[in-house]
N, C-alpha and C. Protein backbone atom coordinates (compact mmCIF):
# COMPACT_ATOMS: atom_id res chain seq x y z
N MET A 1 22.72 -2.29 -20.67
CA MET A 1 22.10 -1.71 -18.93
C MET A 1 21.28 -1.59 -18.79
N LYS A 2 21.42 -2.11 -17.42
CA LYS A 2 19.61 -2.32 -17.20
C LYS A 2 19.12 -0.52 -16.94
N SER A 3 17.69 -0.34 -17.32
CA SER A 3 17.06 1.14 -17.11
C SER A 3 16.85 1.12 -15.84
N THR A 4 16.28 2.34 -15.58
CA THR A 4 15.60 2.54 -14.11
C THR A 4 14.47 2.16 -13.79
N GLY A 5 14.44 1.95 -12.76
CA GLY A 5 12.84 1.20 -12.27
C GLY A 5 12.36 2.32 -12.31
N ARG A 6 10.57 1.96 -12.38
CA ARG A 6 9.12 2.73 -12.14
C ARG A 6 9.10 2.54 -10.72
N LEU A 7 8.30 3.47 -10.03
CA LEU A 7 7.97 3.36 -8.64
C LEU A 7 6.51 3.20 -8.92
N PHE A 8 5.42 2.19 -7.97
CA PHE A 8 4.03 2.58 -8.37
C PHE A 8 3.56 2.54 -6.94
N VAL A 9 2.47 3.44 -6.69
CA VAL A 9 1.84 3.60 -5.98
C VAL A 9 0.58 2.99 -5.83
N ILE A 10 0.03 1.93 -4.87
CA ILE A 10 -1.36 1.29 -4.57
C ILE A 10 -1.98 1.72 -3.21
N SER A 11 -3.28 2.50 -2.84
CA SER A 11 -3.87 2.90 -2.33
C SER A 11 -5.46 2.02 -2.15
N ALA A 12 -5.50 2.03 -1.43
CA ALA A 12 -6.93 1.82 -1.49
C ALA A 12 -7.87 1.91 0.48
N PRO A 13 -8.53 2.07 0.42
CA PRO A 13 -9.45 2.07 1.63
C PRO A 13 -8.96 0.48 2.51
N SER A 14 -9.14 0.22 4.02
CA SER A 14 -8.92 -0.77 4.83
C SER A 14 -10.43 -1.70 3.89
N GLY A 15 -9.42 -3.03 3.58
CA GLY A 15 -10.67 -4.17 3.33
C GLY A 15 -11.17 -4.27 1.91
N THR A 16 -10.10 -3.39 1.13
CA THR A 16 -10.47 -3.38 -0.45
C THR A 16 -9.86 -4.80 -0.88
N GLY A 17 -8.64 -5.20 -0.42
CA GLY A 17 -8.07 -6.47 -0.69
C GLY A 17 -6.92 -5.87 -1.35
N LYS A 18 -6.50 -4.74 -0.89
CA LYS A 18 -5.02 -4.18 -1.34
C LYS A 18 -3.82 -5.37 -1.41
N THR A 19 -3.85 -5.71 0.10
CA THR A 19 -2.57 -6.55 0.30
C THR A 19 -2.64 -7.97 -0.35
N THR A 20 -3.75 -8.47 -0.58
CA THR A 20 -3.51 -9.40 -1.82
C THR A 20 -3.65 -9.08 -3.28
N VAL A 21 -4.20 -8.01 -3.76
CA VAL A 21 -3.96 -7.87 -4.78
C VAL A 21 -2.24 -8.14 -4.92
N VAL A 22 -1.49 -6.75 -3.82
CA VAL A 22 -0.34 -6.76 -4.21
C VAL A 22 0.40 -8.02 -3.88
N ARG A 23 0.36 -8.88 -3.09
CA ARG A 23 1.04 -10.23 -2.76
C ARG A 23 0.82 -11.01 -4.55
N ARG A 24 -0.22 -11.01 -4.66
CA ARG A 24 -0.85 -11.69 -5.85
C ARG A 24 0.40 -11.53 -7.12
N LEU A 25 0.58 -10.02 -6.99
CA LEU A 25 0.94 -9.55 -8.06
C LEU A 25 2.21 -9.36 -7.92
N LEU A 26 3.26 -9.74 -6.74
CA LEU A 26 4.33 -9.99 -6.76
C LEU A 26 4.80 -11.61 -6.77
N SER A 27 3.88 -12.41 -6.59
CA SER A 27 4.23 -13.51 -7.30
C SER A 27 4.12 -14.04 -8.26
N HIS A 28 3.41 -13.21 -9.30
CA HIS A 28 3.49 -13.47 -10.59
C HIS A 28 4.49 -12.68 -11.53
N TYR A 29 4.98 -11.78 -10.62
CA TYR A 29 6.08 -10.97 -11.17
C TYR A 29 6.99 -10.81 -10.10
N PRO A 30 8.07 -11.71 -10.18
CA PRO A 30 9.01 -11.42 -8.82
C PRO A 30 9.98 -10.75 -9.62
N HIS A 31 10.02 -10.15 -10.68
CA HIS A 31 11.12 -9.08 -10.98
C HIS A 31 10.63 -7.62 -10.52
N VAL A 32 9.67 -7.62 -9.94
CA VAL A 32 8.80 -6.33 -8.84
C VAL A 32 9.01 -6.64 -7.57
N ILE A 33 9.48 -5.75 -6.75
CA ILE A 33 9.73 -5.84 -5.36
C ILE A 33 8.53 -4.74 -4.59
N GLU A 34 8.40 -5.07 -3.62
CA GLU A 34 7.59 -4.51 -2.57
C GLU A 34 8.44 -3.82 -1.58
N SER A 35 8.22 -2.39 -1.45
CA SER A 35 8.77 -1.57 -0.22
C SER A 35 8.02 -2.31 1.08
N ILE A 36 8.96 -2.37 1.72
CA ILE A 36 7.99 -2.97 2.76
C ILE A 36 8.12 -1.85 4.29
N SER A 37 6.99 -1.36 4.54
CA SER A 37 6.91 0.05 5.46
C SER A 37 7.10 -0.20 6.73
N TYR A 38 7.17 0.67 7.56
CA TYR A 38 7.45 0.25 9.12
C TYR A 38 6.13 0.66 9.71
N THR A 39 5.60 0.32 11.23
CA THR A 39 4.47 0.71 11.80
C THR A 39 4.46 0.67 13.06
N THR A 40 3.66 1.22 14.19
CA THR A 40 3.79 1.06 15.67
C THR A 40 2.65 0.16 16.03
N ARG A 41 1.95 0.10 14.72
CA ARG A 41 0.38 -0.87 14.87
C ARG A 41 1.15 -2.54 15.56
N THR A 42 -0.11 -3.26 16.54
CA THR A 42 0.33 -4.33 16.81
C THR A 42 0.48 -5.61 15.50
N PRO A 43 1.14 -6.38 15.43
CA PRO A 43 0.98 -7.66 14.20
C PRO A 43 0.11 -8.23 14.14
N ARG A 44 -0.78 -8.61 13.29
CA ARG A 44 -2.06 -9.46 13.01
C ARG A 44 -1.47 -10.84 12.84
N VAL A 45 -2.27 -11.28 13.16
CA VAL A 45 -1.83 -13.08 13.13
C VAL A 45 -1.47 -13.34 12.12
N GLY A 46 -0.02 -13.76 11.89
CA GLY A 46 0.45 -14.36 10.42
C GLY A 46 1.43 -13.13 10.38
N GLU A 47 1.19 -12.35 10.67
CA GLU A 47 2.11 -11.05 9.74
C GLU A 47 3.43 -11.10 10.59
N VAL A 48 4.90 -11.25 9.67
CA VAL A 48 6.23 -11.71 10.42
C VAL A 48 6.63 -10.08 10.13
N HIS A 49 7.30 -9.67 11.22
CA HIS A 49 8.40 -8.44 11.27
C HIS A 49 9.27 -8.47 9.99
N GLY A 50 9.45 -7.74 9.29
CA GLY A 50 10.29 -8.04 8.22
C GLY A 50 9.64 -8.44 7.11
N THR A 51 8.70 -8.77 7.10
CA THR A 51 7.84 -9.34 5.91
C THR A 51 6.70 -8.74 5.38
N ALA A 52 5.93 -8.41 6.15
CA ALA A 52 4.78 -7.59 6.12
C ALA A 52 5.13 -6.63 6.61
N TYR A 53 5.30 -6.09 7.65
CA TYR A 53 5.73 -4.64 8.28
C TYR A 53 6.77 -4.76 8.93
N TYR A 54 7.91 -3.64 9.19
CA TYR A 54 8.82 -3.25 10.25
C TYR A 54 7.88 -2.90 11.53
N PHE A 55 7.53 -3.62 12.25
CA PHE A 55 7.01 -3.54 13.64
C PHE A 55 8.06 -2.75 14.93
N VAL A 56 7.63 -1.34 14.89
CA VAL A 56 8.46 -1.06 15.95
C VAL A 56 7.59 0.05 16.96
N GLU A 57 8.60 0.04 18.05
CA GLU A 57 7.74 1.23 19.29
C GLU A 57 7.92 2.59 18.29
N ARG A 58 6.41 3.10 19.05
CA ARG A 58 6.38 4.68 18.90
C ARG A 58 7.24 5.86 18.98
N THR A 59 8.13 5.55 20.01
CA THR A 59 9.27 6.28 20.29
C THR A 59 10.37 5.96 19.20
N THR A 60 10.71 4.42 18.64
CA THR A 60 11.80 4.43 17.64
C THR A 60 11.16 4.92 16.68
N PHE A 61 9.96 4.74 16.19
CA PHE A 61 9.57 5.26 14.68
C PHE A 61 9.30 7.06 15.01
N GLU A 62 8.94 7.65 16.00
CA GLU A 62 9.30 9.43 15.80
C GLU A 62 10.65 9.37 15.84
N ARG A 63 11.89 8.97 16.32
CA ARG A 63 13.07 8.64 15.77
C ARG A 63 13.53 8.90 14.59
N LEU A 64 13.06 7.91 13.71
CA LEU A 64 13.26 7.73 12.86
C LEU A 64 12.45 9.01 12.10
N VAL A 65 11.53 9.46 12.28
CA VAL A 65 11.10 10.54 11.68
C VAL A 65 11.70 11.54 11.73
N ARG A 66 12.53 12.26 12.74
CA ARG A 66 13.40 13.29 13.53
C ARG A 66 14.51 12.80 12.58
N GLU A 67 14.90 11.92 11.82
CA GLU A 67 16.15 11.78 11.41
C GLU A 67 16.19 11.53 9.60
N GLY A 68 14.66 11.81 9.97
CA GLY A 68 14.32 12.12 7.97
C GLY A 68 14.33 10.47 7.07
N PHE A 69 14.46 9.67 7.80
CA PHE A 69 14.34 8.67 7.24
C PHE A 69 13.20 7.65 6.52
N PHE A 70 11.90 8.52 6.58
CA PHE A 70 10.98 8.18 5.75
C PHE A 70 10.73 9.01 4.70
N ALA A 71 10.50 8.61 3.53
CA ALA A 71 10.17 9.02 2.11
C ALA A 71 8.81 9.69 2.72
N GLU A 72 7.77 9.24 3.37
CA GLU A 72 6.39 9.40 3.88
C GLU A 72 6.14 8.92 5.32
N TRP A 73 4.93 9.37 5.82
CA TRP A 73 4.87 8.96 7.20
C TRP A 73 3.55 9.46 7.48
N ALA A 74 2.32 8.91 8.06
CA ALA A 74 1.45 9.42 8.63
C ALA A 74 0.68 8.71 9.78
N GLU A 75 -0.41 8.98 10.59
CA GLU A 75 -1.20 8.41 10.97
C GLU A 75 -2.38 8.16 10.76
N VAL A 76 -2.40 6.66 10.69
CA VAL A 76 -3.55 5.77 10.59
C VAL A 76 -4.26 4.41 11.22
N HIS A 77 -5.68 5.42 11.38
CA HIS A 77 -6.48 4.06 12.33
C HIS A 77 -5.38 4.23 13.58
N GLY A 78 -4.77 5.55 14.18
CA GLY A 78 -4.32 5.24 15.55
C GLY A 78 -3.07 4.64 15.43
N ALA A 79 -2.62 3.99 14.80
CA ALA A 79 -1.10 4.04 14.22
C ALA A 79 0.03 4.82 13.35
N LEU A 80 1.13 4.97 13.51
CA LEU A 80 1.77 5.16 12.78
C LEU A 80 2.75 4.40 11.54
N TYR A 81 2.62 4.96 10.33
CA TYR A 81 3.06 4.20 9.41
C TYR A 81 4.06 4.85 8.26
N GLY A 82 5.35 4.18 8.20
CA GLY A 82 5.92 5.16 7.13
C GLY A 82 6.76 4.54 6.22
N THR A 83 7.20 4.89 5.28
CA THR A 83 8.08 4.59 3.93
C THR A 83 9.39 4.96 4.01
N PRO A 84 10.47 3.82 4.29
CA PRO A 84 11.25 4.43 4.13
C PRO A 84 12.13 4.94 2.94
N ALA A 85 12.68 5.96 2.92
CA ALA A 85 12.87 6.12 1.46
C ALA A 85 14.50 5.67 0.83
N GLU A 86 15.56 5.11 1.20
CA GLU A 86 16.43 5.04 0.84
C GLU A 86 16.16 3.27 0.16
N PRO A 87 15.79 2.58 0.47
CA PRO A 87 15.38 1.21 -0.19
C PRO A 87 14.57 1.69 -1.46
N ILE A 88 13.90 2.53 -1.28
CA ILE A 88 13.05 2.84 -2.70
C ILE A 88 13.99 3.47 -4.07
N ARG A 89 15.32 4.37 -3.71
CA ARG A 89 15.81 4.92 -4.31
C ARG A 89 16.64 3.95 -4.80
N SER A 90 17.21 2.94 -3.99
CA SER A 90 18.24 1.89 -4.20
C SER A 90 17.81 1.17 -5.21
N ALA A 91 16.52 0.72 -5.14
CA ALA A 91 16.02 -0.05 -6.26
C ALA A 91 15.83 0.01 -7.27
N LEU A 92 14.89 1.42 -7.60
CA LEU A 92 14.57 1.89 -8.65
C LEU A 92 16.53 2.58 -9.32
N THR A 93 16.93 2.49 -9.01
CA THR A 93 18.60 2.75 -9.67
C THR A 93 18.93 1.16 -10.33
N ARG A 94 18.62 0.27 -9.11
CA ARG A 94 18.86 -1.07 -9.71
C ARG A 94 18.35 -1.59 -11.20
N GLY A 95 17.17 -0.41 -11.40
CA GLY A 95 16.16 -1.00 -12.50
C GLY A 95 15.29 -1.78 -11.65
N ASP A 96 15.07 -2.38 -10.71
CA ASP A 96 13.71 -2.67 -10.27
C ASP A 96 12.50 -2.12 -10.07
N HIS A 97 11.43 -2.66 -10.22
CA HIS A 97 10.15 -2.02 -10.28
C HIS A 97 10.03 -1.94 -8.79
N VAL A 98 9.08 -0.69 -8.19
CA VAL A 98 8.55 -0.86 -6.31
C VAL A 98 7.43 -0.65 -6.34
N VAL A 99 6.73 -1.57 -5.48
CA VAL A 99 5.20 -1.29 -5.83
C VAL A 99 5.00 -0.77 -4.13
N LEU A 100 4.60 0.03 -3.91
CA LEU A 100 4.27 0.78 -2.43
C LEU A 100 2.58 0.34 -2.13
N ASP A 101 2.31 -0.44 -1.16
CA ASP A 101 0.93 -0.35 -0.56
C ASP A 101 0.54 0.16 0.54
N ILE A 102 0.30 1.50 0.34
CA ILE A 102 0.09 2.40 1.50
C ILE A 102 -1.16 3.70 1.22
N ASP A 103 -1.21 4.09 2.53
CA ASP A 103 -2.82 4.69 2.24
C ASP A 103 -2.97 6.15 1.70
N VAL A 104 -3.74 6.57 1.22
CA VAL A 104 -4.18 7.60 0.53
C VAL A 104 -3.32 8.82 1.08
N GLN A 105 -3.13 9.04 2.47
CA GLN A 105 -2.53 9.86 2.94
C GLN A 105 -0.81 10.36 2.50
N GLY A 106 -0.60 8.76 2.86
CA GLY A 106 1.02 8.27 2.32
C GLY A 106 0.95 8.57 0.50
N GLY A 107 0.33 8.15 -0.23
CA GLY A 107 0.11 8.27 -1.38
C GLY A 107 0.51 9.47 -1.90
N MET A 108 -0.13 10.51 -1.33
CA MET A 108 -0.54 11.67 -1.81
C MET A 108 1.23 12.11 -1.52
N THR A 109 1.39 11.78 -0.49
CA THR A 109 2.88 13.04 0.34
C THR A 109 4.14 11.95 -0.75
N LEU A 110 4.59 10.67 -1.13
CA LEU A 110 5.03 10.13 -1.59
C LEU A 110 4.98 11.00 -3.15
N LYS A 111 3.90 10.93 -3.70
CA LYS A 111 3.94 11.36 -4.98
C LYS A 111 4.77 12.98 -5.13
N LYS A 112 4.80 13.62 -4.41
CA LYS A 112 5.15 14.81 -4.12
C LYS A 112 6.59 14.67 -4.01
N ALA A 113 7.09 13.38 -3.16
CA ALA A 113 8.85 13.22 -3.18
C ALA A 113 9.26 12.31 -4.55
N PHE A 114 8.69 11.94 -4.92
CA PHE A 114 8.85 10.48 -6.04
C PHE A 114 7.63 11.06 -7.37
N PRO A 115 7.67 12.52 -7.93
CA PRO A 115 6.78 13.09 -9.05
C PRO A 115 6.54 12.16 -10.15
N GLU A 116 7.58 10.77 -10.86
CA GLU A 116 7.48 10.01 -11.42
C GLU A 116 6.79 8.87 -11.19
N ALA A 117 6.39 8.60 -9.93
CA ALA A 117 5.49 7.59 -9.29
C ALA A 117 4.27 7.16 -9.89
N ALA A 118 3.66 6.11 -10.69
CA ALA A 118 2.39 6.29 -10.87
C ALA A 118 1.70 5.69 -9.47
N THR A 119 0.72 6.42 -9.66
CA THR A 119 -0.80 6.38 -8.76
C THR A 119 -1.84 5.18 -9.18
N ILE A 120 -2.19 4.29 -8.39
CA ILE A 120 -3.05 3.65 -8.61
C ILE A 120 -4.18 3.65 -7.26
N PHE A 121 -5.16 4.02 -7.41
CA PHE A 121 -6.22 3.51 -6.64
C PHE A 121 -6.87 2.14 -6.89
N LEU A 122 -7.17 0.81 -5.84
CA LEU A 122 -7.95 0.14 -5.64
C LEU A 122 -9.09 0.31 -5.11
N MET A 123 -10.24 0.22 -5.53
CA MET A 123 -11.59 0.17 -5.62
C MET A 123 -12.31 -0.80 -4.69
N PRO A 124 -13.07 -1.22 -3.42
CA PRO A 124 -14.09 -2.33 -3.71
C PRO A 124 -14.99 -2.50 -4.36
N PRO A 125 -15.99 -3.64 -4.79
CA PRO A 125 -17.01 -3.26 -5.92
C PRO A 125 -17.99 -2.24 -4.99
N SER A 126 -18.14 -3.01 -3.94
CA SER A 126 -19.22 -2.18 -3.49
C SER A 126 -19.06 -1.82 -1.81
N GLU A 127 -20.15 -0.94 -1.35
CA GLU A 127 -19.81 -0.68 0.24
C GLU A 127 -19.84 -2.07 1.39
N ASP A 128 -21.59 -2.49 0.48
CA ASP A 128 -21.65 -4.28 1.41
C ASP A 128 -20.51 -4.73 1.22
N GLU A 129 -19.95 -5.05 0.22
CA GLU A 129 -19.10 -6.06 -0.01
C GLU A 129 -17.85 -5.53 0.99
N LEU A 130 -16.90 -4.38 0.91
CA LEU A 130 -16.16 -3.88 1.55
C LEU A 130 -16.80 -4.19 3.34
N LYS A 131 -18.03 -3.96 3.59
CA LYS A 131 -18.03 -4.41 5.09
C LYS A 131 -18.07 -5.84 5.23
N ARG A 132 -18.33 -6.44 4.22
CA ARG A 132 -18.04 -7.93 4.56
C ARG A 132 -16.71 -8.35 4.42
N ARG A 133 -15.78 -8.01 3.85
CA ARG A 133 -14.60 -7.93 4.00
C ARG A 133 -13.72 -7.74 5.41
N LEU A 134 -14.51 -6.53 5.45
CA LEU A 134 -13.94 -6.30 6.73
C LEU A 134 -14.14 -7.71 7.84
N ARG A 135 -15.46 -7.35 8.26
CA ARG A 135 -16.00 -8.01 9.32
C ARG A 135 -15.31 -9.85 8.76
N GLY A 136 -14.83 -10.15 7.72
CA GLY A 136 -14.42 -11.80 7.56
C GLY A 136 -13.04 -11.48 8.02
N ARG A 137 -12.47 -10.85 8.30
CA ARG A 137 -10.88 -10.89 8.55
C ARG A 137 -11.03 -11.17 10.04
N GLY A 138 -12.14 -11.23 11.02
CA GLY A 138 -12.21 -11.55 12.23
C GLY A 138 -11.01 -11.47 13.46
N THR A 139 -10.75 -9.99 12.98
CA THR A 139 -9.06 -9.62 13.68
C THR A 139 -9.50 -7.89 14.48
N GLU A 140 -10.89 -7.95 14.12
CA GLU A 140 -11.13 -6.70 14.73
C GLU A 140 -12.42 -6.37 15.40
N ALA A 141 -12.66 -5.56 16.62
CA ALA A 141 -14.21 -5.57 17.12
C ALA A 141 -14.89 -4.48 16.52
N GLU A 142 -16.10 -4.20 16.51
CA GLU A 142 -16.95 -3.76 15.74
C GLU A 142 -16.54 -2.52 15.77
N ASP A 143 -16.38 -1.92 16.61
CA ASP A 143 -15.98 -0.27 16.71
C ASP A 143 -14.68 0.15 15.73
N ALA A 144 -13.98 -1.10 15.97
CA ALA A 144 -12.63 -0.96 14.74
C ALA A 144 -12.99 -0.90 13.40
N ILE A 145 -14.60 -1.66 13.45
CA ILE A 145 -14.46 -1.75 11.78
C ILE A 145 -15.33 -0.77 11.45
N ALA A 146 -16.21 -0.16 12.44
CA ALA A 146 -16.84 0.85 11.98
C ALA A 146 -15.97 2.32 12.10
N ARG A 147 -14.87 2.63 12.50
CA ARG A 147 -13.89 3.43 12.34
C ARG A 147 -13.30 3.05 10.76
N ARG A 148 -12.83 1.90 10.72
CA ARG A 148 -12.26 1.90 9.01
C ARG A 148 -13.36 2.17 7.78
N LEU A 149 -15.12 2.09 8.38
CA LEU A 149 -15.45 1.90 7.25
C LEU A 149 -15.79 3.56 7.04
N THR A 150 -15.80 4.05 8.50
CA THR A 150 -15.85 5.83 8.09
C THR A 150 -14.56 6.47 7.33
N ASN A 151 -13.17 5.61 7.72
CA ASN A 151 -12.12 6.08 6.79
C ASN A 151 -12.40 5.68 5.70
N ALA A 152 -13.03 4.73 5.12
CA ALA A 152 -12.94 4.56 4.01
C ALA A 152 -13.65 5.42 3.02
N HIS A 153 -14.79 5.91 3.61
CA HIS A 153 -15.43 7.04 2.52
C HIS A 153 -14.86 8.27 2.39
N ARG A 154 -14.48 8.46 3.54
CA ARG A 154 -13.20 9.98 3.18
C ARG A 154 -11.67 9.35 2.31
N GLU A 155 -11.51 8.07 2.50
CA GLU A 155 -10.01 7.48 1.35
C GLU A 155 -10.58 7.58 -0.09
N MET A 156 -11.69 7.38 -0.50
CA MET A 156 -12.46 7.29 -1.54
C MET A 156 -12.60 8.20 -2.00
N THR A 157 -12.81 9.48 -1.35
CA THR A 157 -12.99 10.86 -1.75
C THR A 157 -11.42 11.14 -2.98
N PHE A 158 -10.70 10.41 -1.93
CA PHE A 158 -9.09 10.90 -2.95
C PHE A 158 -9.03 9.92 -4.14
N LYS A 159 -9.68 9.49 -4.45
CA LYS A 159 -9.57 8.33 -6.30
C LYS A 159 -9.35 9.33 -7.15
N ASP A 160 -9.91 9.92 -7.35
CA ASP A 160 -9.93 11.12 -8.59
C ASP A 160 -8.69 11.87 -8.92
N ARG A 161 -7.77 11.83 -7.12
CA ARG A 161 -5.96 12.44 -7.33
C ARG A 161 -5.36 10.84 -7.90
N TYR A 162 -5.73 10.00 -8.02
CA TYR A 162 -4.80 8.89 -8.58
C TYR A 162 -5.15 8.94 -10.35
N GLU A 163 -4.02 8.37 -10.43
CA GLU A 163 -3.74 8.32 -12.41
C GLU A 163 -4.67 7.10 -12.65
N TYR A 164 -5.10 6.34 -12.03
CA TYR A 164 -5.74 4.86 -12.29
C TYR A 164 -6.80 4.52 -11.06
N CYS A 165 -7.77 3.88 -11.35
CA CYS A 165 -8.49 3.91 -10.62
C CYS A 165 -9.15 2.27 -11.20
N VAL A 166 -8.76 1.28 -10.21
CA VAL A 166 -9.58 -0.10 -10.68
C VAL A 166 -10.06 -0.65 -9.30
N ILE A 167 -10.92 -1.83 -9.90
CA ILE A 167 -12.41 -2.08 -8.89
C ILE A 167 -11.88 -3.50 -8.45
N ASN A 168 -11.51 -3.85 -7.72
CA ASN A 168 -11.28 -4.95 -7.20
C ASN A 168 -12.39 -5.97 -6.40
N ASP A 169 -13.28 -6.59 -7.99
CA ASP A 169 -14.17 -7.35 -7.68
C ASP A 169 -13.68 -8.89 -7.61
N GLU A 170 -12.33 -9.05 -8.57
CA GLU A 170 -11.91 -10.11 -8.46
C GLU A 170 -10.40 -10.17 -8.82
N VAL A 171 -9.93 -10.76 -7.68
CA VAL A 171 -8.62 -10.55 -7.69
C VAL A 171 -7.54 -10.84 -8.65
N ASP A 172 -7.47 -11.98 -9.35
CA ASP A 172 -6.95 -11.77 -11.03
C ASP A 172 -7.01 -10.96 -11.90
N ARG A 173 -8.50 -10.50 -11.91
CA ARG A 173 -8.50 -9.72 -12.86
C ARG A 173 -8.04 -8.06 -12.72
N ALA A 174 -8.42 -8.02 -10.89
CA ALA A 174 -7.43 -6.66 -10.90
C ALA A 174 -5.86 -6.89 -10.64
N VAL A 175 -5.40 -7.74 -10.40
CA VAL A 175 -3.91 -8.14 -10.65
C VAL A 175 -3.63 -7.98 -12.21
N ALA A 176 -4.57 -8.61 -13.10
CA ALA A 176 -4.16 -8.29 -14.57
C ALA A 176 -3.91 -6.96 -15.01
N GLU A 177 -5.15 -6.05 -14.37
CA GLU A 177 -5.26 -4.91 -14.86
C GLU A 177 -4.17 -3.79 -14.49
N ILE A 178 -3.83 -4.04 -13.16
CA ILE A 178 -2.85 -3.60 -12.60
C ILE A 178 -1.29 -3.67 -13.43
N ALA A 179 -0.97 -5.04 -13.40
CA ALA A 179 0.48 -5.57 -14.74
C ALA A 179 0.07 -4.60 -15.83
N LYS A 180 -0.96 -4.44 -16.31
CA LYS A 180 -0.97 -3.92 -18.02
C LYS A 180 -0.66 -2.17 -17.46
N ILE A 181 -1.59 -1.86 -16.50
CA ILE A 181 -1.07 -0.38 -16.22
C ILE A 181 0.30 -0.35 -15.81
N MET A 182 1.25 -1.17 -15.49
CA MET A 182 2.85 -1.17 -15.16
C MET A 182 3.64 -1.64 -16.31
N GLY A 183 2.88 -2.33 -17.50
CA GLY A 183 4.01 -2.47 -18.37
C GLY A 183 4.32 -3.82 -18.04
N LEU A 184 3.72 -4.96 -17.39
CA LEU A 184 4.46 -6.19 -17.28
C LEU A 184 3.78 -7.30 -18.14
N ASN A 185 4.79 -8.09 -18.68
CA ASN A 185 4.59 -9.11 -19.40
C ASN A 185 4.65 -10.59 -18.26
N ARG A 186 3.94 -11.34 -18.49
CA ARG A 186 4.08 -12.46 -17.63
C ARG A 186 5.06 -13.41 -18.25
N GLY A 187 5.75 -14.22 -17.59
CA GLY A 187 6.88 -15.42 -18.27
C GLY A 187 8.05 -14.67 -17.61
């Protein structure tokens, strides 16, 4: 009989490489699944509905909030983001490990809803590197980048509330460290 899965929350300031790290983790460990969040923000180039996020209108998102659909939700950078509760519960019951790639507000709320969740905070190697990564995306205007940097400083004050802190100075090294925290073995 398969054991119950574990929930892992990974949070990081925008531009830290959280999405890249999570994607690499999922590609190395196919028995780990990612919960797909809902958002009201506009898709970035290459993002596909139902893969990166479920992109919905604000009115739809607000209706889902009223219906109790989300385990957590928050407004971040002017858009709404939420984690659906039922897919997490189903995956954990099946024995799958679930990774959530969410902001610090969501991470703290989710820890209350799922106290058994392990929390991992991903840090950029430096502020200069964080700026370089945000500008390197080429997806946002300078004022949006400035807002993300201001938010990053606030978000980094939450790192001590997380059980683990991993510096993303090199993607494969960060993935290996997170896999170790999760108790995963390749193969």
